[in-house]
Amino acid sequence: MFALMNIGLSVEIRMLFAFVTALGMSLSCGGPLIEYLRSWQKQGQPIREDGPQSHLLTKKGTPTMGGLLILGTTIFSILLFANITYHFVWVSLLVLIIYGITGFVDDYWKVKRHSANAMTAGMKLFFQFLTAAVAASIIVAATPSSINTALHFPYVNWVLNLSWLYIPFAVIVMSGASNGVNLSDGLDGLASGLLIVAFSFFMAVAYLSGQPNAADFYLLYIPRCAEIAVVCAALIGACLGFLYFNKPKARVFMGDTGSLSLGAVLGAIAVMTKSEMLLAVVGGVFVMETVSVIIQVAYFKKTGKRFFKMAPIHHHFEQLGWSEKKVVFSFWLTAFILAMLGVCALI
């Protein structure tokens, strides 16, 4: 049934349909899903006691696992409008589903135990690395041998062959992106807004990388890669629909169900399009959030003091007196500027 949706439709049309379908389904299914999550979870997502004290009041009782809305509508739209016989498409589905299940289990036990901590970091990293290693191996096998282990440096248009080191590198990219988005999911609308910007950029990169004249945009040509633009369009529509319910004051949180899987698929798309270095630029806010936690932990272990008032860094700005909306909009603006810097690498 799903294959019939692709007959005679160009990639551009299917991108539009995937976006509209995911957006429409998110908006129509979001309300009922939130009511179900609220009735089931009762007390909502447990709030970190070591986080901003205001969150214990303003966010208490808000249900989590809203990532189910994004994953469900994205996967449905991909099955309808993407060519699922293409390796990269079903690798995207694999990453979304496995990372999504890992996040769901973590969210489930948080709610069940009413604790901000459920799965250990080691457990989550094990499933993240294992899934990323499988995905990276398939991506390398499905990419033309002349570039399948290449690392492309934007702006200088230089290519480095990493050989056997490429798969470990790709695993770090996917797992790092997954955890970067997870750390950014701490304020209403923050992570979903940042993801919309990032997926929009990589939708353009995927589309252009699949064109024979990809070199004109300083990208490596990857046959059929434009199909991943359909995946990105579905993700954008789903995230935009979710943002309607997640904007301040949020009616639902994304949870690890969404943040781990969406970050991982963002990293996977960067690997598929050979744009890993561009991810570091366009996803600079995610990098900043991750680095702030690393610095905070290392500095505290060495000195017993905090480098930032609180980490991840969005909480640092809250502690400086910024309102939640000001932090979110400032980070969104930063992400947009970084995306424009990414565009500069293509022209």
Protein backbone atom coordinates (compact mmCIF):
# COMPACT_ATOMS: atom_id res chain seq x y z
CA MET A 1 0.00 0.00 0.00
CA PHE A 2 2.71 2.43 1.04
CA ALA A 3 4.74 1.88 -2.15
CA LEU A 4 1.80 3.10 -4.23
CA MET A 5 2.24 6.58 -2.75
CA ASN A 6 5.62 6.92 -4.50
CA ILE A 7 4.50 6.08 -8.04
CA GLY A 8 5.03 9.01 -10.40
CA LEU A 9 5.82 11.49 -7.63
CA SER A 10 9.01 13.54 -7.73
CA VAL A 11 11.23 13.90 -4.68
CA GLU A 12 10.15 17.53 -4.34
CA ILE A 13 6.45 16.64 -4.22
CA ARG A 14 7.05 13.83 -1.75
CA MET A 15 9.04 16.21 0.47
CA LEU A 16 6.05 18.54 0.56
CA PHE A 17 3.58 15.72 1.22
CA ALA A 18 5.76 14.24 3.96
CA PHE A 19 6.02 17.62 5.69
CA VAL A 20 2.30 18.38 5.48
CA THR A 21 1.28 14.88 6.58
CA ALA A 22 3.59 14.84 9.61
CA LEU A 23 2.55 18.36 10.60
CA GLY A 24 -1.18 17.67 10.20
CA MET A 25 -1.01 14.40 12.10
CA SER A 26 1.00 15.99 14.93
CA LEU A 27 -1.52 18.80 15.35
CA SER A 28 -4.52 16.47 15.22
CA CYS A 29 -3.12 13.66 17.39
CA GLY A 30 -1.21 15.78 19.90
CA GLY A 31 -4.18 16.72 22.08
CA PRO A 32 -5.53 13.17 22.58
CA LEU A 33 -2.01 11.79 23.19
CA ILE A 34 -1.28 14.45 25.82
CA GLU A 35 -4.55 13.69 27.62
CA TYR A 36 -3.69 9.99 27.65
CA LEU A 37 -0.16 10.64 28.94
CA ARG A 38 -1.52 12.97 31.63
CA SER A 39 -4.11 10.44 32.81
CA TRP A 40 -1.52 7.64 32.88
CA GLN A 41 1.42 9.51 34.41
CA LYS A 42 -0.57 11.38 37.08
CA GLN A 43 2.39 13.29 38.56
CA GLY A 44 4.04 13.92 35.19
CA GLN A 45 7.77 13.94 34.51
CA PRO A 46 9.97 13.98 37.62
CA ILE A 47 11.81 17.31 37.82
CA ARG A 48 15.51 17.42 38.72
CA GLU A 49 15.92 18.67 42.27
CA ASP A 50 19.40 19.99 41.42
CA GLY A 51 18.00 22.06 38.54
CA PRO A 52 16.55 25.58 38.69
CA GLN A 53 14.20 25.79 41.67
CA SER A 54 11.58 27.60 39.60
CA HIS A 55 11.15 24.45 37.49
CA LEU A 56 9.90 22.54 40.53
CA LEU A 57 6.90 24.87 40.50
CA THR A 58 6.32 25.76 36.85
CA LYS A 59 6.94 22.34 35.28
CA LYS A 60 5.57 20.02 37.95
CA GLY A 61 2.85 17.69 36.66
CA THR A 62 3.70 18.09 32.97
CA PRO A 63 3.66 14.69 31.22
CA THR A 64 6.67 13.37 29.32
CA MET A 65 7.15 10.95 26.38
CA GLY A 66 5.88 13.58 23.92
CA GLY A 67 8.56 12.25 21.60
CA LEU A 68 6.09 9.48 20.76
CA LEU A 69 4.10 12.08 18.80
CA ILE A 70 7.15 13.06 16.74
CA LEU A 71 8.31 9.50 16.15
CA GLY A 72 4.86 8.18 15.26
CA THR A 73 4.02 10.90 12.75
CA THR A 74 7.53 10.91 11.27
CA ILE A 75 7.66 7.14 10.75
CA PHE A 76 4.16 7.11 9.22
CA SER A 77 5.07 9.92 6.80
CA ILE A 78 8.35 8.23 5.84
CA LEU A 79 6.55 4.96 5.12
CA LEU A 80 4.04 6.82 2.98
CA PHE A 81 6.29 9.05 0.93
CA ALA A 82 9.93 7.90 1.10
CA ASN A 83 11.40 5.07 -0.94
CA ILE A 84 11.94 2.50 1.80
CA THR A 85 13.92 0.22 -0.54
CA TYR A 86 16.77 2.73 -0.31
CA HIS A 87 19.31 1.76 2.37
CA PHE A 88 19.58 5.23 3.88
CA VAL A 89 15.82 5.47 4.43
CA TRP A 90 15.48 2.29 6.41
CA VAL A 91 18.68 3.04 8.32
CA SER A 92 16.98 6.29 9.36
CA LEU A 93 13.97 4.26 10.51
CA LEU A 94 16.25 1.83 12.36
CA VAL A 95 17.98 4.65 14.24
CA LEU A 96 14.70 6.39 15.09
CA ILE A 97 13.10 3.20 16.39
CA ILE A 98 16.00 1.73 18.40
CA TYR A 99 17.05 5.02 19.99
CA GLY A 100 13.37 5.80 20.52
CA ILE A 101 12.84 2.52 22.37
CA THR A 102 15.91 3.20 24.52
CA GLY A 103 14.56 6.64 25.41
CA PHE A 104 11.07 5.27 26.01
CA VAL A 105 12.36 2.68 28.49
CA ASP A 106 14.28 5.42 30.32
CA ASP A 107 11.21 7.69 30.41
CA TYR A 108 8.98 4.81 31.51
CA TRP A 109 11.10 3.98 34.52
CA LYS A 110 11.47 7.65 35.44
CA VAL A 111 7.70 7.94 35.61
CA LYS A 112 7.27 4.52 37.26
CA ARG A 113 9.83 5.22 39.96
CA HIS A 114 9.12 8.94 39.99
CA SER A 115 12.83 9.62 39.77
CA ALA A 116 14.77 11.95 37.49
CA ASN A 117 17.27 9.11 36.94
CA ALA A 118 16.35 5.67 35.56
CA MET A 119 18.70 3.89 33.15
CA THR A 120 22.36 4.36 33.99
CA ALA A 121 24.55 6.33 31.62
CA GLY A 122 26.47 3.16 30.84
CA MET A 123 23.32 1.28 29.82
CA LYS A 124 22.18 4.07 27.50
CA LEU A 125 25.63 4.45 25.94
CA PHE A 126 25.80 0.71 25.27
CA PHE A 127 22.59 0.74 23.22
CA GLN A 128 23.56 4.02 21.55
CA PHE A 129 27.01 2.80 20.47
CA LEU A 130 25.73 -0.61 19.34
CA THR A 131 22.94 0.89 17.20
CA ALA A 132 25.25 3.58 15.83
CA ALA A 133 27.89 0.98 14.90
CA VAL A 134 25.33 -1.08 12.95
CA ALA A 135 23.93 2.03 11.23
CA ALA A 136 27.42 3.33 10.37
CA SER A 137 28.43 -0.03 8.89
CA ILE A 138 25.37 -0.11 6.64
CA ILE A 139 25.89 3.51 5.57
CA VAL A 140 29.51 2.81 4.63
CA ALA A 141 28.50 -0.30 2.66
CA ALA A 142 25.75 1.61 0.81
CA THR A 143 27.93 4.63 -0.07
CA PRO A 144 30.12 4.66 -3.22
CA SER A 145 33.47 3.09 -2.34
CA SER A 146 35.38 6.15 -3.54
CA ILE A 147 33.99 8.28 -0.71
CA ASN A 148 32.48 5.87 1.85
CA THR A 149 35.18 6.51 4.47
CA ALA A 150 35.88 10.10 3.47
CA LEU A 151 35.64 13.04 5.86
CA HIS A 152 34.77 16.22 3.98
CA PHE A 153 35.93 19.56 5.37
CA PRO A 154 33.65 22.43 4.33
CA TYR A 155 34.82 25.94 3.45
CA VAL A 156 38.21 24.58 2.27
CA ASN A 157 36.62 21.71 0.26
CA TRP A 158 39.23 19.23 1.48
CA VAL A 159 38.64 15.46 1.79
CA LEU A 160 40.46 13.17 4.23
CA ASN A 161 40.16 9.36 3.96
CA LEU A 162 39.76 7.97 7.50
CA SER A 163 39.82 4.35 6.31
CA TRP A 164 38.98 1.94 9.19
CA LEU A 165 38.72 4.85 11.63
CA TYR A 166 35.62 6.15 9.87
CA ILE A 167 33.10 3.81 11.53
CA PRO A 168 34.25 4.66 15.09
CA PHE A 169 34.16 8.32 14.08
CA ALA A 170 30.60 7.94 12.73
CA VAL A 171 29.54 6.22 15.96
CA ILE A 172 30.83 9.20 17.94
CA VAL A 173 28.98 11.61 15.64
CA MET A 174 25.64 9.83 16.04
CA SER A 175 25.94 9.17 19.76
CA GLY A 176 27.30 12.65 20.38
CA ALA A 177 24.42 14.27 18.48
CA SER A 178 21.94 12.10 20.40
CA ASN A 179 23.30 13.18 23.77
CA GLY A 180 23.70 16.80 22.65
CA VAL A 181 20.01 17.07 21.81
CA ASN A 182 19.14 15.24 25.02
CA LEU A 183 21.07 17.79 27.09
CA SER A 184 19.38 20.65 25.21
CA ASP A 185 15.91 19.38 26.07
CA GLY A 186 15.57 21.31 29.31
CA LEU A 187 13.41 24.33 28.48
CA ASP A 188 9.99 24.61 26.83
CA GLY A 189 10.40 24.55 23.05
CA LEU A 190 14.21 24.71 23.10
CA ALA A 191 15.18 21.33 21.62
CA SER A 192 12.30 21.13 19.13
CA GLY A 193 13.05 24.62 17.77
CA LEU A 194 16.76 23.86 17.42
CA LEU A 195 15.95 20.59 15.64
CA ILE A 196 13.67 22.33 13.13
CA VAL A 197 16.56 24.61 12.14
CA ALA A 198 19.05 21.72 11.91
CA PHE A 199 16.76 19.39 9.94
CA SER A 200 15.87 22.23 7.55
CA PHE A 201 19.54 22.77 6.77
CA PHE A 202 20.24 19.07 6.28
CA MET A 203 17.15 18.68 4.12
CA ALA A 204 18.79 21.10 1.69
CA VAL A 205 22.16 19.32 2.01
CA ALA A 206 20.60 15.89 1.38
CA TYR A 207 18.70 17.15 -1.65
CA LEU A 208 21.75 18.83 -3.17
CA SER A 209 24.06 15.89 -2.39
CA GLY A 210 21.80 13.68 -4.47
CA GLN A 211 22.15 15.86 -7.55
CA PRO A 212 24.85 15.15 -10.19
CA ASN A 213 26.05 18.75 -9.85
CA ALA A 214 26.58 18.41 -6.07
CA ALA A 215 30.18 19.58 -6.52
CA ASP A 216 28.84 23.00 -7.53
CA PHE A 217 27.71 23.33 -3.89
CA TYR A 218 30.98 21.96 -2.50
CA LEU A 219 29.27 18.70 -1.53
CA LEU A 220 30.15 15.10 -2.37
CA TYR A 221 27.79 13.47 -4.87
CA ILE A 222 25.90 10.55 -3.31
CA PRO A 223 23.43 8.89 -5.72
CA ARG A 224 19.80 8.84 -4.49
CA CYS A 225 20.75 10.82 -1.36
CA ALA A 226 17.96 13.27 -2.21
CA GLU A 227 15.61 10.62 -0.80
CA ILE A 228 16.83 11.59 2.68
CA ALA A 229 15.39 15.06 2.08
CA VAL A 230 11.96 13.38 2.31
CA VAL A 231 12.95 11.98 5.71
CA CYS A 232 14.07 15.44 6.84
CA ALA A 233 10.81 17.01 5.61
CA ALA A 234 8.81 14.52 7.70
CA LEU A 235 10.97 15.28 10.74
CA ILE A 236 10.52 19.03 10.31
CA GLY A 237 6.74 18.71 10.05
CA ALA A 238 6.57 16.45 13.10
CA CYS A 239 8.82 18.73 15.19
CA LEU A 240 6.84 21.81 14.14
CA GLY A 241 3.57 20.15 15.15
CA PHE A 242 5.08 19.07 18.46
CA LEU A 243 6.35 22.60 19.09
CA TYR A 244 2.73 23.81 19.12
CA PHE A 245 2.20 21.74 22.28
CA ASN A 246 5.70 22.20 23.67
CA LYS A 247 5.94 25.98 23.42
CA PRO A 248 5.90 27.89 26.75
CA LYS A 249 4.05 26.92 28.91
CA ALA A 250 4.56 23.37 27.66
CA ARG A 251 1.67 20.93 27.78
CA VAL A 252 4.05 18.00 27.24
CA PHE A 253 7.78 17.32 27.34
CA MET A 254 9.69 15.54 24.60
CA GLY A 255 11.48 13.23 27.00
CA ASP A 256 14.35 10.90 26.16
CA THR A 257 11.94 9.12 23.81
CA GLY A 258 12.24 12.05 21.43
CA SER A 259 15.55 13.72 22.23
CA LEU A 260 17.77 10.62 22.02
CA SER A 261 16.22 9.38 18.77
CA LEU A 262 16.01 12.75 17.02
CA GLY A 263 19.58 13.63 17.90
CA ALA A 264 20.76 10.24 16.67
CA VAL A 265 18.96 10.49 13.34
CA LEU A 266 20.35 14.02 12.89
CA GLY A 267 23.85 12.58 13.35
CA ALA A 268 23.04 9.69 11.00
CA ILE A 269 21.87 12.11 8.29
CA ALA A 270 25.11 14.07 8.65
CA VAL A 271 27.04 10.80 8.16
CA MET A 272 24.90 9.80 5.15
CA THR A 273 25.50 13.15 3.45
CA LYS A 274 29.22 13.22 4.38
CA SER A 275 28.55 16.49 6.22
CA GLU A 276 29.73 15.57 9.69
CA MET A 277 31.84 18.72 10.02
CA LEU A 278 28.90 20.89 8.98
CA LEU A 279 26.89 19.30 11.79
CA ALA A 280 29.43 20.68 14.25
CA VAL A 281 28.75 24.16 12.82
CA VAL A 282 24.98 24.06 12.32
CA GLY A 283 24.47 22.06 15.51
CA GLY A 284 26.75 24.39 17.40
CA VAL A 285 24.20 24.97 20.17
CA PHE A 286 24.08 21.22 20.82
CA VAL A 287 27.89 21.21 20.92
CA MET A 288 27.86 24.14 23.33
CA GLU A 289 25.40 22.37 25.64
CA THR A 290 27.52 19.22 25.67
CA VAL A 291 30.82 21.00 26.21
CA SER A 292 29.35 23.03 29.08
CA VAL A 293 28.49 19.80 30.93
CA ILE A 294 31.94 18.32 30.27
CA ILE A 295 33.63 21.50 31.55
CA GLN A 296 31.36 21.67 34.60
CA VAL A 297 32.04 18.06 35.61
CA ALA A 298 35.81 18.22 34.99
CA TYR A 299 36.20 21.57 36.77
CA PHE A 300 34.16 20.41 39.76
CA LYS A 301 36.17 17.20 40.11
CA LYS A 302 39.41 19.17 40.06
CA THR A 303 38.49 22.17 42.21
CA GLY A 304 35.28 21.27 44.03
CA LYS A 305 33.72 24.41 42.54
CA ARG A 306 31.37 25.07 39.64
CA PHE A 307 32.63 26.70 36.46
CA PHE A 308 29.09 27.65 35.39
CA LYS A 309 26.31 28.57 37.77
CA MET A 310 24.53 25.49 36.43
CA ALA A 311 24.91 23.12 33.50
CA PRO A 312 23.84 22.52 30.75
CA ILE A 313 24.52 26.10 29.80
CA HIS A 314 20.88 27.10 29.20
CA HIS A 315 20.40 26.76 32.97
CA HIS A 316 23.43 29.01 33.52
CA PHE A 317 21.63 31.84 31.74
CA GLU A 318 18.50 31.19 33.78
CA GLN A 319 20.57 31.51 36.94
CA LEU A 320 21.86 34.84 35.62
CA GLY A 321 18.28 36.09 35.68
CA TRP A 322 17.23 35.51 32.07
CA SER A 323 13.64 34.46 31.59
CA GLU A 324 13.01 31.05 30.06
CA LYS A 325 11.58 32.63 26.90
CA LYS A 326 14.62 34.89 26.52
CA VAL A 327 16.99 31.93 26.76
CA VAL A 328 14.96 29.87 24.27
CA PHE A 329 14.63 32.64 21.68
CA SER A 330 18.31 33.59 22.06
CA PHE A 331 19.38 30.00 21.46
CA TRP A 332 17.01 29.71 18.49
CA LEU A 333 18.52 32.86 17.01
CA THR A 334 22.02 31.48 17.58
CA ALA A 335 21.03 28.26 15.78
CA PHE A 336 19.67 30.25 12.84
CA ILE A 337 22.89 32.27 12.56
CA LEU A 338 24.95 29.06 12.68
CA ALA A 339 22.73 27.58 9.93
CA MET A 340 23.47 30.63 7.80
CA LEU A 341 27.18 30.01 8.38
CA GLY A 342 26.56 26.49 7.17
CA VAL A 343 24.87 27.84 4.05
CA CYS A 344 28.00 29.89 3.38
CA ALA A 345 29.90 26.62 2.95
CA LEU A 346 27.60 25.72 0.06
CA ILE A 347 28.00 28.88 -1.99
